[in-house]
Amino acid sequence: MVSSTFHAEDLWKTLSRATVDKRHPWRVVVLSTSGPNGANSRNIILRAVESQRALCTFYTDLRSGKIADITHDPRVSLLFWNPRSNEQLRAWGDACVVNDPKALDLHWSRIPDYARKDYATLSAPGALLTEDQALDITSLRVESARQNFRLIQVQIQRMDYLKLDREGHQRFGLNQENDAWVFKALVP
């Protein structure tokens, strides 16, 4: 059961923990967008959280479809699920693509060399591979990988927390108003 003293700070602490604990279920997040071709959902990795600014940060390739979707409509939703504790968190906010070289360099420096190749493919993520084409390590341009690296930051404005429990489900809504989280109990 969720305590009656449950607060937004508890959620932000859990989100922060998910950025450093690779096994935390909330590390893998469903990001939903609405792009020129309709709705899209995909799993992404939560990389950083700034609770004071209500920001969640993710990494992406500049050429990915997420960029076009966010440019089309910056409103996004995030879905976190913990199957061990039966906790769900939904969050809504506005996303932006970060192009600031200093911020990009800071995050790029945290990526191990083996993972940088994810941004070094010759074609965009999701591009069609022909039958005679194979994605292998020799077709990567590692020297240009940094040019393809971007951050997505989501400014969270609203959250919905649900705890499923045999003793009784609990649900809370949180809205950000005047730099504070307004907390309301909801019908599960």
Protein backbone atom coordinates (compact mmCIF):
# COMPACT_ATOMS: atom_id res chain seq x y z
CA MET A 1 0.00 0.00 0.00
CA VAL A 2 1.16 3.52 -0.73
CA SER A 3 1.55 5.69 2.34
CA SER A 4 -0.75 8.63 2.87
CA THR A 5 2.41 10.74 3.10
CA PHE A 6 3.25 9.97 -0.52
CA HIS A 7 4.69 13.02 -2.31
CA ALA A 8 6.04 14.05 -5.70
CA GLU A 9 9.56 13.99 -4.21
CA ASP A 10 9.22 10.21 -3.82
CA LEU A 11 8.56 9.84 -7.54
CA TRP A 12 11.50 12.06 -8.48
CA LYS A 13 13.81 10.09 -6.16
CA THR A 14 12.69 6.86 -7.82
CA LEU A 15 13.24 8.34 -11.28
CA SER A 16 16.71 9.55 -10.26
CA ARG A 17 17.55 6.09 -8.94
CA ALA A 18 16.51 4.59 -12.29
CA THR A 19 19.18 6.65 -14.08
CA VAL A 20 22.00 4.98 -12.12
CA ASP A 21 20.58 1.49 -11.47
CA LYS A 22 20.70 -0.35 -14.80
CA ARG A 23 18.28 -2.98 -13.48
CA HIS A 24 15.65 -0.54 -12.26
CA PRO A 25 12.41 -1.14 -14.19
CA TRP A 26 11.80 2.58 -14.68
CA ARG A 27 15.10 2.96 -16.57
CA VAL A 28 13.38 1.71 -19.74
CA VAL A 29 10.57 4.12 -20.57
CA VAL A 30 7.88 4.17 -23.24
CA LEU A 31 7.99 7.51 -25.06
CA SER A 32 4.86 8.31 -27.06
CA THR A 33 4.79 11.05 -29.67
CA SER A 34 2.46 12.32 -32.36
CA GLY A 35 4.27 12.91 -35.62
CA PRO A 36 3.39 13.74 -39.20
CA ASN A 37 2.40 10.08 -39.76
CA GLY A 38 0.39 9.66 -36.54
CA ALA A 39 1.10 8.24 -33.11
CA ASN A 40 4.37 6.46 -32.27
CA SER A 41 5.54 4.70 -29.13
CA ARG A 42 8.97 3.29 -28.45
CA ASN A 43 11.17 2.24 -25.54
CA ILE A 44 14.00 4.58 -24.62
CA ILE A 45 16.49 4.74 -21.75
CA LEU A 46 16.14 7.35 -19.01
CA ARG A 47 19.58 9.01 -18.78
CA ALA A 48 19.17 11.95 -16.40
CA VAL A 49 16.61 13.57 -14.13
CA GLU A 50 16.51 17.10 -12.75
CA SER A 51 13.74 17.10 -10.16
CA GLN A 52 13.92 20.85 -9.43
CA ARG A 53 13.27 21.60 -13.09
CA ALA A 54 10.97 18.57 -13.65
CA LEU A 55 13.19 17.41 -16.54
CA CYS A 56 13.81 13.91 -17.88
CA THR A 57 16.66 13.47 -20.37
CA PHE A 58 17.09 10.81 -23.05
CA TYR A 59 19.66 10.17 -25.81
CA THR A 60 18.78 9.86 -29.48
CA ASP A 61 20.18 9.95 -32.99
CA LEU A 62 19.60 13.23 -34.83
CA ARG A 63 18.28 11.23 -37.79
CA SER A 64 15.70 9.22 -35.82
CA GLY A 65 11.95 9.55 -36.31
CA LYS A 66 11.60 10.90 -32.76
CA ILE A 67 13.16 14.17 -33.91
CA ALA A 68 10.57 14.68 -36.66
CA ASP A 69 7.75 13.74 -34.29
CA ILE A 70 8.85 16.20 -31.60
CA THR A 71 9.38 18.94 -34.19
CA HIS A 72 5.84 18.28 -35.45
CA ASP A 73 4.29 18.26 -31.95
CA PRO A 74 6.40 18.68 -28.79
CA ARG A 75 3.69 17.23 -26.53
CA VAL A 76 4.72 13.74 -25.42
CA SER A 77 3.84 11.16 -22.81
CA LEU A 78 6.07 8.80 -20.86
CA LEU A 79 5.05 5.47 -19.37
CA PHE A 80 7.00 3.78 -16.58
CA TRP A 81 6.05 0.32 -15.26
CA ASN A 82 7.52 -1.69 -12.39
CA PRO A 83 6.30 -5.31 -12.58
CA ARG A 84 7.85 -6.20 -9.21
CA SER A 85 5.96 -3.57 -7.23
CA ASN A 86 2.98 -3.17 -9.60
CA GLU A 87 3.58 0.56 -9.92
CA GLN A 88 2.81 2.60 -13.00
CA LEU A 89 3.74 6.20 -13.61
CA ARG A 90 2.43 8.15 -16.56
CA ALA A 91 3.86 11.58 -17.27
CA TRP A 92 3.00 14.27 -19.81
CA GLY A 93 5.05 17.21 -20.93
CA ASP A 94 6.75 19.09 -23.70
CA ALA A 95 9.86 17.68 -25.34
CA CYS A 96 12.69 19.57 -26.95
CA VAL A 97 15.75 18.48 -28.86
CA VAL A 98 18.94 19.79 -27.26
CA ASN A 99 21.52 21.05 -29.74
CA ASP A 100 23.76 22.94 -27.28
CA PRO A 101 27.35 21.73 -27.90
CA LYS A 102 28.37 22.01 -24.23
CA ALA A 103 25.44 19.90 -23.02
CA LEU A 104 25.96 17.38 -25.82
CA ASP A 105 29.69 17.11 -25.09
CA LEU A 106 29.01 16.55 -21.39
CA HIS A 107 26.64 13.66 -22.08
CA TRP A 108 28.75 12.30 -24.96
CA SER A 109 31.70 12.00 -22.57
CA ARG A 110 29.61 9.62 -20.43
CA ILE A 111 29.01 7.18 -23.29
CA PRO A 112 31.49 4.29 -23.44
CA ASP A 113 33.37 3.87 -26.73
CA TYR A 114 31.58 0.61 -27.56
CA ALA A 115 28.18 2.36 -27.34
CA ARG A 116 29.16 5.33 -29.51
CA LYS A 117 28.89 3.15 -32.61
CA ASP A 118 25.10 3.31 -32.19
CA TYR A 119 25.29 6.85 -33.59
CA ALA A 120 27.77 6.02 -36.38
CA THR A 121 25.66 4.16 -38.93
CA LEU A 122 25.74 5.50 -42.49
CA SER A 123 21.95 5.50 -42.72
CA ALA A 124 19.32 6.81 -40.34
CA PRO A 125 17.85 4.51 -37.69
CA GLY A 126 14.94 2.61 -39.21
CA ALA A 127 16.16 3.05 -42.80
CA LEU A 128 15.48 0.12 -45.09
CA LEU A 129 18.33 -2.37 -45.57
CA THR A 130 18.52 -3.90 -49.02
CA GLU A 131 19.08 -7.66 -49.49
CA ASP A 132 22.71 -7.23 -50.47
CA GLN A 133 23.41 -4.75 -47.68
CA ALA A 134 24.59 -5.90 -44.27
CA LEU A 135 25.02 -3.79 -41.20
CA ASP A 136 28.49 -4.56 -39.99
CA ILE A 137 31.11 -2.73 -38.01
CA THR A 138 33.04 -1.81 -41.16
CA SER A 139 30.15 0.34 -42.44
CA LEU A 140 30.24 2.65 -39.43
CA ARG A 141 31.63 6.18 -39.41
CA VAL A 142 32.75 6.40 -35.80
CA GLU A 143 34.44 9.76 -36.34
CA SER A 144 31.07 11.32 -37.24
CA ALA A 145 29.04 9.62 -34.50
CA ARG A 146 29.09 12.69 -32.23
CA GLN A 147 27.47 14.76 -35.01
CA ASN A 148 24.44 12.44 -34.90
CA PHE A 149 24.10 12.49 -31.09
CA ARG A 150 21.31 14.56 -29.51
CA LEU A 151 19.47 14.87 -26.23
CA ILE A 152 15.74 14.91 -25.80
CA GLN A 153 14.54 16.68 -22.69
CA VAL A 154 10.97 16.38 -21.50
CA GLN A 155 9.62 19.12 -19.23
CA ILE A 156 7.10 17.22 -17.11
CA GLN A 157 3.88 19.11 -16.38
CA ARG A 158 1.57 16.39 -15.15
CA MET A 159 1.88 12.87 -13.68
CA ASP A 160 -0.46 10.03 -12.79
CA TYR A 161 0.76 7.37 -10.34
CA LEU A 162 -1.03 4.02 -9.91
CA LYS A 163 -0.18 1.32 -7.35
CA LEU A 164 -1.94 -2.02 -7.89
CA ASP A 165 -2.44 -3.92 -4.65
CA ARG A 166 -4.74 -6.76 -3.52
CA GLU A 167 -5.54 -4.73 -0.42
CA GLY A 168 -6.77 -1.91 -2.64
CA HIS A 169 -5.37 0.02 -5.56
CA GLN A 170 -4.25 3.62 -5.09
CA ARG A 171 -3.96 6.37 -7.64
CA PHE A 172 -2.70 9.93 -7.42
CA GLY A 173 -2.60 12.79 -9.87
CA LEU A 174 0.12 15.42 -9.74
CA ASN A 175 0.01 18.71 -11.61
CA GLN A 176 2.71 21.33 -11.61
CA GLU A 177 1.32 24.71 -10.62
CA ASN A 178 3.42 27.75 -9.65
CA ASP A 179 6.64 25.69 -9.35
CA ALA A 180 4.99 23.22 -6.94
CA TRP A 181 3.36 19.85 -7.42
CA VAL A 182 -0.34 19.80 -6.56
CA PHE A 183 -1.19 16.32 -5.35
CA LYS A 184 -4.70 14.79 -5.57
CA ALA A 185 -6.01 11.33 -4.73
CA LEU A 186 -7.88 9.78 -7.68
CA VAL A 187 -10.22 6.84 -8.14
CA PRO A 188 -8.06 3.91 -9.31
